[in-house]
Amino acid sequence: YFTDTIKNKPNKEAFDIARGPYKPDECIMIRDNYIVDIQGAIHAGIKAILLDPKNKYEYENKIKKINELEELLWNFMMN
């Protein structure tokens, strides 16, 4: 779907297309690339969770980080 006129991540246009009919505050990006996925999502107004099992990224404290996907289920069940 992406062409020369529509940029890929981390450009805001890519996230606008990916979220479809949903508002940015109705979406969450869960990915493992801090620059492309997480920073791009935040720039597009989408909440983001960094999946970083090897602790390879230095990141801002305001970013939610998990080491494995099972943490999402655990956090969901506890809230």
C-alpha atoms as a PDB file:
ATOM      1  CA  TYR A   1       0.000   0.000   0.000  1.00  0.00           C
ATOM      2  CA  PHE A   2       2.876   2.364   0.666  1.00  0.00           C
ATOM      3  CA  THR A   3       4.164   4.339  -2.289  1.00  0.00           C
ATOM      4  CA  ASP A   4       6.617   7.128  -2.921  1.00  0.00           C
ATOM      5  CA  THR A   5       3.998   9.617  -1.731  1.00  0.00           C
ATOM      6  CA  ILE A   6       3.205   7.852   1.551  1.00  0.00           C
ATOM      7  CA  LYS A   7       6.114   7.383   3.907  1.00  0.00           C
ATOM      8  CA  ASN A   8       6.812   4.323   6.056  1.00  0.00           C
ATOM      9  CA  LYS A   9       7.309   4.330   9.821  1.00  0.00           C
ATOM     10  CA  PRO A  10       8.336   6.404  11.724  1.00  0.00           C
ATOM     11  CA  ASN A  11       6.441   9.013   9.681  1.00  0.00           C
ATOM     12  CA  LYS A  12       3.094  10.051  11.135  1.00  0.00           C
ATOM     13  CA  GLU A  13       1.281   9.215   7.871  1.00  0.00           C
ATOM     14  CA  ALA A  14       2.121   5.520   8.278  1.00  0.00           C
ATOM     15  CA  PHE A  15       0.583   5.432  11.749  1.00  0.00           C
ATOM     16  CA  ASP A  16      -2.489   7.373  10.612  1.00  0.00           C
ATOM     17  CA  ILE A  17      -3.107   4.759   7.928  1.00  0.00           C
ATOM     18  CA  ALA A  18      -2.368   1.819  10.239  1.00  0.00           C
ATOM     19  CA  ARG A  19      -4.890   2.893  12.875  1.00  0.00           C
ATOM     20  CA  GLY A  20      -7.682   2.934  10.295  1.00  0.00           C
ATOM     21  CA  PRO A  21     -10.955   4.336  11.623  1.00  0.00           C
ATOM     22  CA  TYR A  22      -9.732   4.420  15.225  1.00  0.00           C
ATOM     23  CA  LYS A  23      -8.661   7.560  17.059  1.00  0.00           C
ATOM     24  CA  PRO A  24      -5.033   7.719  18.232  1.00  0.00           C
ATOM     25  CA  ASP A  25      -6.116   7.467  21.883  1.00  0.00           C
ATOM     26  CA  GLU A  26      -7.925   4.197  21.071  1.00  0.00           C
ATOM     27  CA  CYS A  27      -4.710   2.517  19.898  1.00  0.00           C
ATOM     28  CA  ILE A  28      -1.536   1.140  21.428  1.00  0.00           C
ATOM     29  CA  MET A  29       1.673   0.324  19.565  1.00  0.00           C
ATOM     30  CA  ILE A  30       3.572  -2.613  21.060  1.00  0.00           C
ATOM     31  CA  ARG A  31       6.849  -3.159  19.261  1.00  0.00           C
ATOM     32  CA  ASP A  32      10.541  -3.713  19.733  1.00  0.00           C
ATOM     33  CA  ASN A  33      12.129  -0.836  17.833  1.00  0.00           C
ATOM     34  CA  TYR A  34      12.394   2.274  19.971  1.00  0.00           C
ATOM     35  CA  ILE A  35      13.149   4.741  17.178  1.00  0.00           C
ATOM     36  CA  VAL A  36      10.901   3.540  14.355  1.00  0.00           C
ATOM     37  CA  ASP A  37       7.955   2.084  16.261  1.00  0.00           C
ATOM     38  CA  ILE A  38       7.799   3.718  19.675  1.00  0.00           C
ATOM     39  CA  GLN A  39       8.936   7.252  18.885  1.00  0.00           C
ATOM     40  CA  GLY A  40       6.887   7.188  15.669  1.00  0.00           C
ATOM     41  CA  ALA A  41       3.743   6.118  17.502  1.00  0.00           C
ATOM     42  CA  ILE A  42       4.182   8.762  20.177  1.00  0.00           C
ATOM     43  CA  HIS A  43       4.694  11.418  17.501  1.00  0.00           C
ATOM     44  CA  ALA A  44       1.389  10.260  15.947  1.00  0.00           C
ATOM     45  CA  GLY A  45      -0.408  10.551  19.313  1.00  0.00           C
ATOM     46  CA  ILE A  46      -0.599   6.800  19.912  1.00  0.00           C
ATOM     47  CA  LYS A  47       0.302   5.213  23.251  1.00  0.00           C
ATOM     48  CA  ALA A  48       3.303   2.926  22.985  1.00  0.00           C
ATOM     49  CA  ILE A  49       4.861   0.045  24.872  1.00  0.00           C
ATOM     50  CA  LEU A  50       8.449  -0.952  24.186  1.00  0.00           C
ATOM     51  CA  LEU A  51       9.081  -4.697  24.027  1.00  0.00           C
ATOM     52  CA  ASP A  52      12.748  -4.943  25.012  1.00  0.00           C
ATOM     53  CA  PRO A  53      13.608  -8.459  26.216  1.00  0.00           C
ATOM     54  CA  LYS A  54      17.362  -7.917  25.975  1.00  0.00           C
ATOM     55  CA  ASN A  55      17.351  -4.447  27.567  1.00  0.00           C
ATOM     56  CA  LYS A  56      19.188  -3.023  24.585  1.00  0.00           C
ATOM     57  CA  TYR A  57      17.525   0.388  24.515  1.00  0.00           C
ATOM     58  CA  GLU A  58      18.149   3.471  26.587  1.00  0.00           C
ATOM     59  CA  TYR A  59      14.787   5.207  26.713  1.00  0.00           C
ATOM     60  CA  GLU A  60      12.876   7.909  28.485  1.00  0.00           C
ATOM     61  CA  ASN A  61      11.249   6.899  31.762  1.00  0.00           C
ATOM     62  CA  LYS A  62       7.827   7.984  30.507  1.00  0.00           C
ATOM     63  CA  ILE A  63       7.843   5.066  28.046  1.00  0.00           C
ATOM     64  CA  LYS A  64       6.225   1.859  29.306  1.00  0.00           C
ATOM     65  CA  LYS A  65       8.607  -1.064  28.810  1.00  0.00           C
ATOM     66  CA  ILE A  66       8.062  -4.785  29.027  1.00  0.00           C
ATOM     67  CA  ASN A  67      10.510  -7.660  28.665  1.00  0.00           C
ATOM     68  CA  GLU A  68       8.020 -10.224  27.362  1.00  0.00           C
ATOM     69  CA  LEU A  69       4.496 -10.178  25.969  1.00  0.00           C
ATOM     70  CA  GLU A  70       3.142 -12.163  28.916  1.00  0.00           C
ATOM     71  CA  GLU A  71       3.619  -9.035  31.024  1.00  0.00           C
ATOM     72  CA  LEU A  72       0.735  -7.442  29.126  1.00  0.00           C
ATOM     73  CA  LEU A  73      -1.649 -10.178  30.215  1.00  0.00           C
ATOM     74  CA  TRP A  74      -0.376 -10.005  33.775  1.00  0.00           C
ATOM     75  CA  ASN A  75      -0.824  -6.216  33.924  1.00  0.00           C
ATOM     76  CA  PHE A  76      -4.276  -6.461  32.396  1.00  0.00           C
ATOM     77  CA  MET A  77      -5.397  -9.084  34.916  1.00  0.00           C
ATOM     78  CA  MET A  78      -4.081  -7.065  37.856  1.00  0.00           C
ATOM     79  CA  ASN A  79      -5.934  -3.858  36.922  1.00  0.00           C
END
